[in-house]
Amino acid sequence: MRNWGKMVAVAVAPLVLTGCLWGPGKFTSNLALNKAGTFVLDYKGEIVLQMPEEKGAAAEPWSDKKLKCFKDGHVETSAMTDDSAEPDEDARPCTKVELGKAKADFDKDQADRIAAKRKENEEMAKLFGLPGSDDASSRRFAANLMKYQGWRSVTYVGKGVYNVDYHVEGRLTQDYAFPLMPDTDLMIPFITLRRRADGSVMVSAPALTGGSGPFSARAKMMGLPDKGEGGPVSRAEGRFTVTTDGEILTNNSEDGPTATTAGRQVHWDVGPGSTKIPETLVRL
């Protein structure tokens, strides 16, 4: 699994650098693995496109102290206020007109900066095949996603959040990853299935972790320092359950396997306090 973690890191590095990343929101997901070599996966809930903050670094709010007026008629605007500065003999009190114009110019500069950041985000998202943050392109993306197998329903509800109902039935003859999005292959998989040569299946859910996100969780699993640079904070909140009539060889859940009418079951509760990437190895 160490090599898989490295591949994920390389694949999504451009998205982490730009702050654009698909991730789970509130969800319920169930995976059934059968000795017959088949699987059934359901994911119901939110998929979230997390975009970088439009405002960027927070600006210091306007203060009349930012404006300095001089006796010769010229004015100067500073980004910061400095109450400790020495009095200037050439300075004079600013008029209400001067203060009003300076504040209006300051507000316009802030609005222009936000607009430029928004445009930059949109262009970067399109470069990686992602929908923009506007409602029209997001709804088009939702409609396009439903053209692909497994997506029973996809509804855009605003602010980068899509409500989805995904269901797929398949055979474990090759590796499988969910979700795959149209026009882009760069993302952290929510769930992966990898068939081993001995017939067992490794199940991993790289994106179904809380806390600081999957990169933070992967760093801890590999014994590496967590520098807090793993991209957007996870918004995942829900339960991932694996049920099988095979043998659960290993798992990192809190409660371990339990018996069910369908065989054995193991689950992970994901939320802000969870820090591990769900993994289990099942022999079919």
C-alpha atoms as a PDB file:
ATOM      1  CA  MET A   1       0.000   0.000   0.000  1.00  0.00           C
ATOM      2  CA  ARG A   2       2.994   2.279   0.358  1.00  0.00           C
ATOM      3  CA  ASN A   3       3.410   2.460  -3.439  1.00  0.00           C
ATOM      4  CA  TRP A   4      -0.312   3.226  -3.843  1.00  0.00           C
ATOM      5  CA  GLY A   5       0.054   6.157  -1.464  1.00  0.00           C
ATOM      6  CA  LYS A   6       2.914   7.533  -3.552  1.00  0.00           C
ATOM      7  CA  MET A   7       0.883   7.198  -6.762  1.00  0.00           C
ATOM      8  CA  VAL A   8      -2.030   9.059  -5.216  1.00  0.00           C
ATOM      9  CA  ALA A   9       0.300  11.831  -4.059  1.00  0.00           C
ATOM     10  CA  VAL A  10       1.772  12.263  -7.536  1.00  0.00           C
ATOM     11  CA  ALA A  11      -1.615  12.145  -9.255  1.00  0.00           C
ATOM     12  CA  VAL A  12      -3.244  14.843  -7.170  1.00  0.00           C
ATOM     13  CA  ALA A  13      -0.225  17.080  -6.564  1.00  0.00           C
ATOM     14  CA  PRO A  14      -1.338  19.657  -9.198  1.00  0.00           C
ATOM     15  CA  LEU A  15      -4.782  19.867  -7.607  1.00  0.00           C
ATOM     16  CA  VAL A  16      -3.378  20.290  -4.113  1.00  0.00           C
ATOM     17  CA  LEU A  17      -1.133  23.097  -5.308  1.00  0.00           C
ATOM     18  CA  THR A  18      -4.079  24.924  -6.846  1.00  0.00           C
ATOM     19  CA  GLY A  19      -6.466  24.114  -4.011  1.00  0.00           C
ATOM     20  CA  CYS A  20      -8.984  22.374  -6.343  1.00  0.00           C
ATOM     21  CA  LEU A  21      -9.986  18.944  -5.075  1.00  0.00           C
ATOM     22  CA  TRP A  22     -12.912  16.505  -5.168  1.00  0.00           C
ATOM     23  CA  GLY A  23     -13.829  15.044  -1.813  1.00  0.00           C
ATOM     24  CA  PRO A  24     -16.665  13.404   0.098  1.00  0.00           C
ATOM     25  CA  GLY A  25     -19.122  15.343   2.233  1.00  0.00           C
ATOM     26  CA  LYS A  26     -21.897  13.691   4.251  1.00  0.00           C
ATOM     27  CA  PHE A  27     -22.278  10.132   2.976  1.00  0.00           C
ATOM     28  CA  THR A  28     -23.221   6.495   3.514  1.00  0.00           C
ATOM     29  CA  SER A  29     -21.264   3.893   1.549  1.00  0.00           C
ATOM     30  CA  ASN A  30     -21.625   0.106   1.498  1.00  0.00           C
ATOM     31  CA  LEU A  31     -19.403  -2.417  -0.269  1.00  0.00           C
ATOM     32  CA  ALA A  32     -20.254  -6.106  -0.620  1.00  0.00           C
ATOM     33  CA  LEU A  33     -17.517  -8.563  -1.640  1.00  0.00           C
ATOM     34  CA  ASN A  34     -18.625 -12.043  -2.656  1.00  0.00           C
ATOM     35  CA  LYS A  35     -16.757 -15.358  -2.916  1.00  0.00           C
ATOM     36  CA  ALA A  36     -18.117 -15.638  -6.450  1.00  0.00           C
ATOM     37  CA  GLY A  37     -15.706 -12.844  -7.387  1.00  0.00           C
ATOM     38  CA  THR A  38     -18.319 -10.096  -7.628  1.00  0.00           C
ATOM     39  CA  PHE A  39     -18.792  -6.836  -5.761  1.00  0.00           C
ATOM     40  CA  VAL A  40     -21.558  -4.292  -5.206  1.00  0.00           C
ATOM     41  CA  LEU A  41     -20.744  -0.705  -4.235  1.00  0.00           C
ATOM     42  CA  ASP A  42     -23.186   1.965  -3.139  1.00  0.00           C
ATOM     43  CA  TYR A  43     -22.348   5.574  -2.288  1.00  0.00           C
ATOM     44  CA  LYS A  44     -25.153   7.927  -1.307  1.00  0.00           C
ATOM     45  CA  GLY A  45     -24.584  11.462  -0.165  1.00  0.00           C
ATOM     46  CA  GLU A  46     -22.429  14.422  -1.049  1.00  0.00           C
ATOM     47  CA  ILE A  47     -19.462  14.857  -3.342  1.00  0.00           C
ATOM     48  CA  VAL A  48     -17.813  18.227  -2.859  1.00  0.00           C
ATOM     49  CA  LEU A  49     -15.615  20.244  -5.201  1.00  0.00           C
ATOM     50  CA  GLN A  50     -13.417  22.266  -2.864  1.00  0.00           C
ATOM     51  CA  MET A  51     -12.005  25.394  -4.447  1.00  0.00           C
ATOM     52  CA  PRO A  52      -9.417  27.806  -3.016  1.00  0.00           C
ATOM     53  CA  GLU A  53     -10.682  30.834  -1.135  1.00  0.00           C
ATOM     54  CA  GLU A  54     -11.557  33.621  -3.546  1.00  0.00           C
ATOM     55  CA  LYS A  55     -10.311  36.329  -1.211  1.00  0.00           C
ATOM     56  CA  GLY A  56      -6.867  34.823  -0.785  1.00  0.00           C
ATOM     57  CA  ALA A  57      -4.979  36.273   2.149  1.00  0.00           C
ATOM     58  CA  ALA A  58      -7.274  38.322   4.353  1.00  0.00           C
ATOM     59  CA  ALA A  59      -6.748  42.045   3.951  1.00  0.00           C
ATOM     60  CA  GLU A  60      -6.609  44.432   6.883  1.00  0.00           C
ATOM     61  CA  PRO A  61      -9.978  46.217   7.092  1.00  0.00           C
ATOM     62  CA  TRP A  62     -10.210  49.867   6.118  1.00  0.00           C
ATOM     63  CA  SER A  63      -9.273  52.451   8.703  1.00  0.00           C
ATOM     64  CA  ASP A  64      -9.091  56.210   8.274  1.00  0.00           C
ATOM     65  CA  LYS A  65      -5.583  55.932   9.706  1.00  0.00           C
ATOM     66  CA  LYS A  66      -4.500  54.325   6.423  1.00  0.00           C
ATOM     67  CA  LEU A  67      -4.774  57.716   4.723  1.00  0.00           C
ATOM     68  CA  LYS A  68      -2.128  60.383   5.275  1.00  0.00           C
ATOM     69  CA  CYS A  69      -2.751  63.885   3.943  1.00  0.00           C
ATOM     70  CA  PHE A  70      -0.110  66.587   3.433  1.00  0.00           C
ATOM     71  CA  LYS A  71      -0.122  70.374   3.416  1.00  0.00           C
ATOM     72  CA  ASP A  72       1.001  70.511  -0.211  1.00  0.00           C
ATOM     73  CA  GLY A  73      -2.256  68.755  -1.210  1.00  0.00           C
ATOM     74  CA  HIS A  74      -1.110  65.208  -1.962  1.00  0.00           C
ATOM     75  CA  VAL A  75      -2.315  62.137  -0.056  1.00  0.00           C
ATOM     76  CA  GLU A  76      -0.822  58.701   0.587  1.00  0.00           C
ATOM     77  CA  THR A  77      -2.621  55.437   1.358  1.00  0.00           C
ATOM     78  CA  SER A  78      -0.839  52.718   3.320  1.00  0.00           C
ATOM     79  CA  ALA A  79      -1.848  49.060   3.502  1.00  0.00           C
ATOM     80  CA  MET A  80      -1.137  49.070   7.221  1.00  0.00           C
ATOM     81  CA  THR A  81      -1.688  51.479  10.077  1.00  0.00           C
ATOM     82  CA  ASP A  82       1.158  52.521  12.324  1.00  0.00           C
ATOM     83  CA  ASP A  83       0.180  54.335  15.509  1.00  0.00           C
ATOM     84  CA  SER A  84       3.795  54.438  16.659  1.00  0.00           C
ATOM     85  CA  ALA A  85       5.032  56.484  13.690  1.00  0.00           C
ATOM     86  CA  GLU A  86       6.598  59.863  14.476  1.00  0.00           C
ATOM     87  CA  PRO A  87       4.410  62.932  13.705  1.00  0.00           C
ATOM     88  CA  ASP A  88       5.107  64.470  10.299  1.00  0.00           C
ATOM     89  CA  GLU A  89       5.331  68.277  10.264  1.00  0.00           C
ATOM     90  CA  ASP A  90       4.108  68.329   6.662  1.00  0.00           C
ATOM     91  CA  ALA A  91       0.992  66.266   7.475  1.00  0.00           C
ATOM     92  CA  ARG A  92      -2.462  67.724   8.038  1.00  0.00           C
ATOM     93  CA  PRO A  93      -5.894  66.315   8.962  1.00  0.00           C
ATOM     94  CA  CYS A  94      -7.671  64.692   6.017  1.00  0.00           C
ATOM     95  CA  THR A  95     -11.015  66.061   4.877  1.00  0.00           C
ATOM     96  CA  LYS A  96     -14.198  63.964   4.778  1.00  0.00           C
ATOM     97  CA  VAL A  97     -14.098  64.095   0.989  1.00  0.00           C
ATOM     98  CA  GLU A  98     -10.529  62.761   0.912  1.00  0.00           C
ATOM     99  CA  LEU A  99     -11.353  60.009   3.403  1.00  0.00           C
ATOM    100  CA  GLY A 100     -14.481  59.033   1.460  1.00  0.00           C
ATOM    101  CA  LYS A 101     -12.611  58.800  -1.836  1.00  0.00           C
ATOM    102  CA  ALA A 102      -9.756  56.843  -0.252  1.00  0.00           C
ATOM    103  CA  LYS A 103     -12.166  54.307   1.274  1.00  0.00           C
ATOM    104  CA  ALA A 104     -14.036  53.940  -2.034  1.00  0.00           C
ATOM    105  CA  ASP A 105     -10.738  53.308  -3.863  1.00  0.00           C
ATOM    106  CA  PHE A 106      -9.725  50.799  -1.176  1.00  0.00           C
ATOM    107  CA  ASP A 107     -13.034  48.905  -1.463  1.00  0.00           C
ATOM    108  CA  LYS A 108     -12.723  48.814  -5.264  1.00  0.00           C
ATOM    109  CA  ASP A 109      -9.197  47.413  -5.017  1.00  0.00           C
ATOM    110  CA  GLN A 110     -10.469  44.646  -2.703  1.00  0.00           C
ATOM    111  CA  ALA A 111     -13.332  43.807  -5.067  1.00  0.00           C
ATOM    112  CA  ASP A 112     -10.964  43.722  -8.050  1.00  0.00           C
ATOM    113  CA  ARG A 113      -8.598  41.416  -6.136  1.00  0.00           C
ATOM    114  CA  ILE A 114     -11.428  38.999  -5.308  1.00  0.00           C
ATOM    115  CA  ALA A 115     -12.654  39.045  -8.929  1.00  0.00           C
ATOM    116  CA  ALA A 116      -9.139  38.324 -10.203  1.00  0.00           C
ATOM    117  CA  LYS A 117      -8.761  35.437  -7.737  1.00  0.00           C
ATOM    118  CA  ARG A 118     -12.141  34.040  -8.785  1.00  0.00           C
ATOM    119  CA  LYS A 119     -11.127  34.183 -12.458  1.00  0.00           C
ATOM    120  CA  GLU A 120      -7.825  32.484 -11.656  1.00  0.00           C
ATOM    121  CA  ASN A 121      -9.675  29.694  -9.818  1.00  0.00           C
ATOM    122  CA  GLU A 122     -12.073  29.215 -12.723  1.00  0.00           C
ATOM    123  CA  GLU A 123      -9.276  29.002 -15.278  1.00  0.00           C
ATOM    124  CA  MET A 124      -7.297  26.546 -13.144  1.00  0.00           C
ATOM    125  CA  ALA A 125     -10.373  24.362 -12.620  1.00  0.00           C
ATOM    126  CA  LYS A 126     -11.078  24.244 -16.369  1.00  0.00           C
ATOM    127  CA  LEU A 127      -7.430  23.397 -17.043  1.00  0.00           C
ATOM    128  CA  PHE A 128      -7.876  20.213 -14.995  1.00  0.00           C
ATOM    129  CA  GLY A 129     -11.273  19.352 -16.463  1.00  0.00           C
ATOM    130  CA  LEU A 130     -13.248  20.532 -13.425  1.00  0.00           C
ATOM    131  CA  PRO A 131     -16.507  22.490 -13.508  1.00  0.00           C
ATOM    132  CA  GLY A 132     -16.413  26.142 -12.587  1.00  0.00           C
ATOM    133  CA  SER A 133     -17.950  27.523  -9.417  1.00  0.00           C
ATOM    134  CA  ASP A 134     -20.937  29.052 -11.250  1.00  0.00           C
ATOM    135  CA  ASP A 135     -24.271  27.240 -11.066  1.00  0.00           C
ATOM    136  CA  ALA A 136     -24.699  26.826 -14.828  1.00  0.00           C
ATOM    137  CA  SER A 137     -21.445  24.918 -15.445  1.00  0.00           C
ATOM    138  CA  SER A 138     -21.981  22.875 -12.259  1.00  0.00           C
ATOM    139  CA  ARG A 139     -25.436  21.760 -13.411  1.00  0.00           C
ATOM    140  CA  ARG A 140     -24.030  20.864 -16.835  1.00  0.00           C
ATOM    141  CA  PHE A 141     -21.368  18.776 -15.125  1.00  0.00           C
ATOM    142  CA  ALA A 142     -24.031  16.990 -13.046  1.00  0.00           C
ATOM    143  CA  ALA A 143     -26.033  16.188 -16.185  1.00  0.00           C
ATOM    144  CA  ASN A 144     -22.911  14.935 -17.955  1.00  0.00           C
ATOM    145  CA  LEU A 145     -21.959  12.705 -15.013  1.00  0.00           C
ATOM    146  CA  MET A 146     -25.289  10.894 -15.218  1.00  0.00           C
ATOM    147  CA  LYS A 147     -24.395   9.704 -18.714  1.00  0.00           C
ATOM    148  CA  TYR A 148     -21.906   7.297 -17.127  1.00  0.00           C
ATOM    149  CA  GLN A 149     -22.608   3.896 -15.614  1.00  0.00           C
ATOM    150  CA  GLY A 150     -23.421   3.759 -11.931  1.00  0.00           C
ATOM    151  CA  TRP A 151     -24.616   7.330 -11.444  1.00  0.00           C
ATOM    152  CA  ARG A 152     -28.301   6.904 -10.646  1.00  0.00           C
ATOM    153  CA  SER A 153     -28.784  10.549  -9.769  1.00  0.00           C
ATOM    154  CA  VAL A 154     -26.575  13.629  -9.516  1.00  0.00           C
ATOM    155  CA  THR A 155     -27.986  16.945  -8.323  1.00  0.00           C
ATOM    156  CA  TYR A 156     -26.027  20.146  -7.870  1.00  0.00           C
ATOM    157  CA  VAL A 157     -27.206  21.913  -4.704  1.00  0.00           C
ATOM    158  CA  GLY A 158     -24.804  24.875  -4.693  1.00  0.00           C
ATOM    159  CA  LYS A 159     -21.448  25.912  -3.224  1.00  0.00           C
ATOM    160  CA  GLY A 160     -19.612  23.063  -4.949  1.00  0.00           C
ATOM    161  CA  VAL A 161     -21.811  20.350  -3.398  1.00  0.00           C
ATOM    162  CA  TYR A 162     -23.425  17.552  -5.434  1.00  0.00           C
ATOM    163  CA  ASN A 163     -25.940  15.079  -3.994  1.00  0.00           C
ATOM    164  CA  VAL A 164     -25.370  11.705  -5.627  1.00  0.00           C
ATOM    165  CA  ASP A 165     -26.741   8.180  -5.639  1.00  0.00           C
ATOM    166  CA  TYR A 166     -24.135   5.804  -7.081  1.00  0.00           C
ATOM    167  CA  HIS A 167     -24.575   2.039  -7.499  1.00  0.00           C
ATOM    168  CA  VAL A 168     -22.342  -0.364  -9.401  1.00  0.00           C
ATOM    169  CA  GLU A 169     -22.113  -4.144  -9.660  1.00  0.00           C
ATOM    170  CA  GLY A 170     -18.961  -5.667 -11.071  1.00  0.00           C
ATOM    171  CA  ARG A 171     -16.500  -8.539 -11.140  1.00  0.00           C
ATOM    172  CA  LEU A 172     -13.160  -8.493  -9.358  1.00  0.00           C
ATOM    173  CA  THR A 173     -11.091  -9.301 -12.415  1.00  0.00           C
ATOM    174  CA  GLN A 174      -9.173  -6.007 -12.338  1.00  0.00           C
ATOM    175  CA  ASP A 175      -8.519  -3.046 -10.074  1.00  0.00           C
ATOM    176  CA  TYR A 176     -11.402  -0.658  -9.476  1.00  0.00           C
ATOM    177  CA  ALA A 177     -11.562   2.933  -8.204  1.00  0.00           C
ATOM    178  CA  PHE A 178     -14.486   5.196  -7.330  1.00  0.00           C
ATOM    179  CA  PRO A 179     -15.250   7.841  -8.452  1.00  0.00           C
ATOM    180  CA  LEU A 180     -13.949   8.476 -11.944  1.00  0.00           C
ATOM    181  CA  MET A 181     -14.984  11.882 -13.246  1.00  0.00           C
ATOM    182  CA  PRO A 182     -15.457  12.940 -16.881  1.00  0.00           C
ATOM    183  CA  ASP A 183     -12.615  14.976 -18.414  1.00  0.00           C
ATOM    184  CA  THR A 184     -10.244  14.581 -15.457  1.00  0.00           C
ATOM    185  CA  ASP A 185      -8.193  11.734 -13.988  1.00  0.00           C
ATOM    186  CA  LEU A 186      -6.654  13.807 -11.196  1.00  0.00           C
ATOM    187  CA  MET A 187      -8.256  13.106  -7.837  1.00  0.00           C
ATOM    188  CA  ILE A 188      -7.905  11.164  -4.615  1.00  0.00           C
ATOM    189  CA  PRO A 189     -10.016   7.989  -4.962  1.00  0.00           C
ATOM    190  CA  PHE A 190     -12.769   7.594  -2.405  1.00  0.00           C
ATOM    191  CA  ILE A 191     -12.607   3.773  -2.587  1.00  0.00           C
ATOM    192  CA  THR A 192     -10.236   1.357  -4.345  1.00  0.00           C
ATOM    193  CA  LEU A 193     -10.341  -2.415  -4.831  1.00  0.00           C
ATOM    194  CA  ARG A 194      -7.131  -4.246  -5.746  1.00  0.00           C
ATOM    195  CA  ARG A 195      -7.068  -7.975  -6.473  1.00  0.00           C
ATOM    196  CA  ARG A 196      -3.991  -9.849  -5.309  1.00  0.00           C
ATOM    197  CA  ALA A 197      -2.461 -12.853  -7.044  1.00  0.00           C
ATOM    198  CA  ASP A 198      -3.663 -15.186  -4.247  1.00  0.00           C
ATOM    199  CA  GLY A 199      -7.278 -14.128  -4.833  1.00  0.00           C
ATOM    200  CA  SER A 200      -7.606 -11.818  -1.852  1.00  0.00           C
ATOM    201  CA  VAL A 201      -8.811  -8.230  -2.289  1.00  0.00           C
ATOM    202  CA  MET A 202      -7.301  -5.136  -0.674  1.00  0.00           C
ATOM    203  CA  VAL A 203      -9.945  -2.507   0.022  1.00  0.00           C
ATOM    204  CA  SER A 204      -8.757   1.023   0.733  1.00  0.00           C
ATOM    205  CA  ALA A 205     -10.671   4.289   1.063  1.00  0.00           C
ATOM    206  CA  PRO A 206      -8.044   7.057   0.690  1.00  0.00           C
ATOM    207  CA  ALA A 207     -10.504   9.978   0.728  1.00  0.00           C
ATOM    208  CA  LEU A 208     -12.843   8.627   3.413  1.00  0.00           C
ATOM    209  CA  THR A 209     -10.935  10.138   6.295  1.00  0.00           C
ATOM    210  CA  GLY A 210     -11.608  13.165   8.440  1.00  0.00           C
ATOM    211  CA  GLY A 211      -9.300  15.571  10.222  1.00  0.00           C
ATOM    212  CA  SER A 212      -6.763  17.316   8.039  1.00  0.00           C
ATOM    213  CA  GLY A 213      -7.507  15.098   5.062  1.00  0.00           C
ATOM    214  CA  PRO A 214      -6.065  12.053   3.278  1.00  0.00           C
ATOM    215  CA  PHE A 215      -2.510  13.344   2.910  1.00  0.00           C
ATOM    216  CA  SER A 216      -2.253  13.959   6.641  1.00  0.00           C
ATOM    217  CA  ALA A 217      -3.662  10.493   7.354  1.00  0.00           C
ATOM    218  CA  ARG A 218      -1.287   8.862   4.844  1.00  0.00           C
ATOM    219  CA  ALA A 219       1.711  10.639   6.371  1.00  0.00           C
ATOM    220  CA  LYS A 220       0.816   9.266   9.807  1.00  0.00           C
ATOM    221  CA  MET A 221       0.350   5.726   8.439  1.00  0.00           C
ATOM    222  CA  MET A 222       3.791   5.879   6.818  1.00  0.00           C
ATOM    223  CA  GLY A 223       5.438   7.377   9.896  1.00  0.00           C
ATOM    224  CA  LEU A 224       6.174  10.661   8.140  1.00  0.00           C
ATOM    225  CA  PRO A 225       5.841  14.127   9.693  1.00  0.00           C
ATOM    226  CA  ASP A 226       2.538  15.881   9.068  1.00  0.00           C
ATOM    227  CA  LYS A 227       3.358  19.393   7.908  1.00  0.00           C
ATOM    228  CA  GLY A 228      -0.269  20.396   7.489  1.00  0.00           C
ATOM    229  CA  GLU A 229       0.177  20.902   3.742  1.00  0.00           C
ATOM    230  CA  GLY A 230      -2.149  18.141   2.550  1.00  0.00           C
ATOM    231  CA  GLY A 231      -4.617  20.265   0.658  1.00  0.00           C
ATOM    232  CA  PRO A 232      -8.146  21.226   1.755  1.00  0.00           C
ATOM    233  CA  VAL A 233      -9.380  19.996   5.139  1.00  0.00           C
ATOM    234  CA  SER A 234     -11.617  16.945   4.828  1.00  0.00           C
ATOM    235  CA  ARG A 235     -15.382  17.486   4.875  1.00  0.00           C
ATOM    236  CA  ALA A 236     -16.105  13.732   4.979  1.00  0.00           C
ATOM    237  CA  GLU A 237     -18.744  12.669   7.494  1.00  0.00           C
ATOM    238  CA  GLY A 238     -20.419   9.280   7.395  1.00  0.00           C
ATOM    239  CA  ARG A 239     -19.976   5.504   7.589  1.00  0.00           C
ATOM    240  CA  PHE A 240     -18.179   3.120   5.218  1.00  0.00           C
ATOM    241  CA  THR A 241     -19.176  -0.543   5.599  1.00  0.00           C
ATOM    242  CA  VAL A 242     -17.672  -3.652   4.000  1.00  0.00           C
ATOM    243  CA  THR A 243     -19.652  -6.895   4.068  1.00  0.00           C
ATOM    244  CA  THR A 244     -18.326 -10.219   2.760  1.00  0.00           C
ATOM    245  CA  ASP A 245     -18.963 -13.944   2.789  1.00  0.00           C
ATOM    246  CA  GLY A 246     -15.184 -14.332   2.551  1.00  0.00           C
ATOM    247  CA  GLU A 247     -12.566 -14.102   5.294  1.00  0.00           C
ATOM    248  CA  ILE A 248     -11.500 -10.721   6.671  1.00  0.00           C
ATOM    249  CA  LEU A 249      -7.740 -11.167   7.076  1.00  0.00           C
ATOM    250  CA  THR A 250      -6.785  -7.672   8.270  1.00  0.00           C
ATOM    251  CA  ASN A 251      -8.552  -4.402   8.978  1.00  0.00           C
ATOM    252  CA  ASN A 252      -7.869  -1.151  10.823  1.00  0.00           C
ATOM    253  CA  SER A 253     -11.403  -0.436  12.062  1.00  0.00           C
ATOM    254  CA  GLU A 254     -12.133   0.523  15.667  1.00  0.00           C
ATOM    255  CA  ASP A 255     -14.499  -2.376  16.446  1.00  0.00           C
ATOM    256  CA  GLY A 256     -13.303  -5.154  14.143  1.00  0.00           C
ATOM    257  CA  PRO A 257     -15.451  -7.654  12.197  1.00  0.00           C
ATOM    258  CA  THR A 258     -18.929  -8.667  13.344  1.00  0.00           C
ATOM    259  CA  ALA A 259     -21.187 -11.483  12.174  1.00  0.00           C
ATOM    260  CA  THR A 260     -24.152 -10.742   9.869  1.00  0.00           C
ATOM    261  CA  THR A 261     -26.607 -12.841   7.900  1.00  0.00           C
ATOM    262  CA  ALA A 262     -24.449 -12.200   4.812  1.00  0.00           C
ATOM    263  CA  GLY A 263     -21.193 -13.255   6.472  1.00  0.00           C
ATOM    264  CA  ARG A 264     -18.819 -10.836   8.200  1.00  0.00           C
ATOM    265  CA  GLN A 265     -18.938  -7.053   8.326  1.00  0.00           C
ATOM    266  CA  VAL A 266     -16.548  -4.267   9.261  1.00  0.00           C
ATOM    267  CA  HIS A 267     -17.196  -0.522   9.316  1.00  0.00           C
ATOM    268  CA  TRP A 268     -15.509   2.846   9.798  1.00  0.00           C
ATOM    269  CA  ASP A 269     -17.160   5.992  11.141  1.00  0.00           C
ATOM    270  CA  VAL A 270     -15.645   9.027   9.429  1.00  0.00           C
ATOM    271  CA  GLY A 271     -15.765  12.531  10.867  1.00  0.00           C
ATOM    272  CA  PRO A 272     -13.630  15.467  11.988  1.00  0.00           C
ATOM    273  CA  GLY A 273     -11.971  13.362  14.688  1.00  0.00           C
ATOM    274  CA  SER A 274     -11.081  10.345  12.516  1.00  0.00           C
ATOM    275  CA  THR A 275      -7.522  10.261  11.213  1.00  0.00           C
ATOM    276  CA  LYS A 276      -7.017   6.843   9.595  1.00  0.00           C
ATOM    277  CA  ILE A 277      -7.586   5.683   6.034  1.00  0.00           C
ATOM    278  CA  PRO A 278      -9.979   2.682   6.105  1.00  0.00           C
ATOM    279  CA  GLU A 279      -8.285  -0.496   4.885  1.00  0.00           C
ATOM    280  CA  THR A 280      -9.135  -4.189   4.946  1.00  0.00           C
ATOM    281  CA  LEU A 281      -7.783  -7.307   3.250  1.00  0.00           C
ATOM    282  CA  VAL A 282     -10.395  -9.928   2.366  1.00  0.00           C
ATOM    283  CA  ARG A 283      -9.815 -13.478   1.139  1.00  0.00           C
ATOM    284  CA  LEU A 284     -12.565 -14.642  -1.210  1.00  0.00           C
END
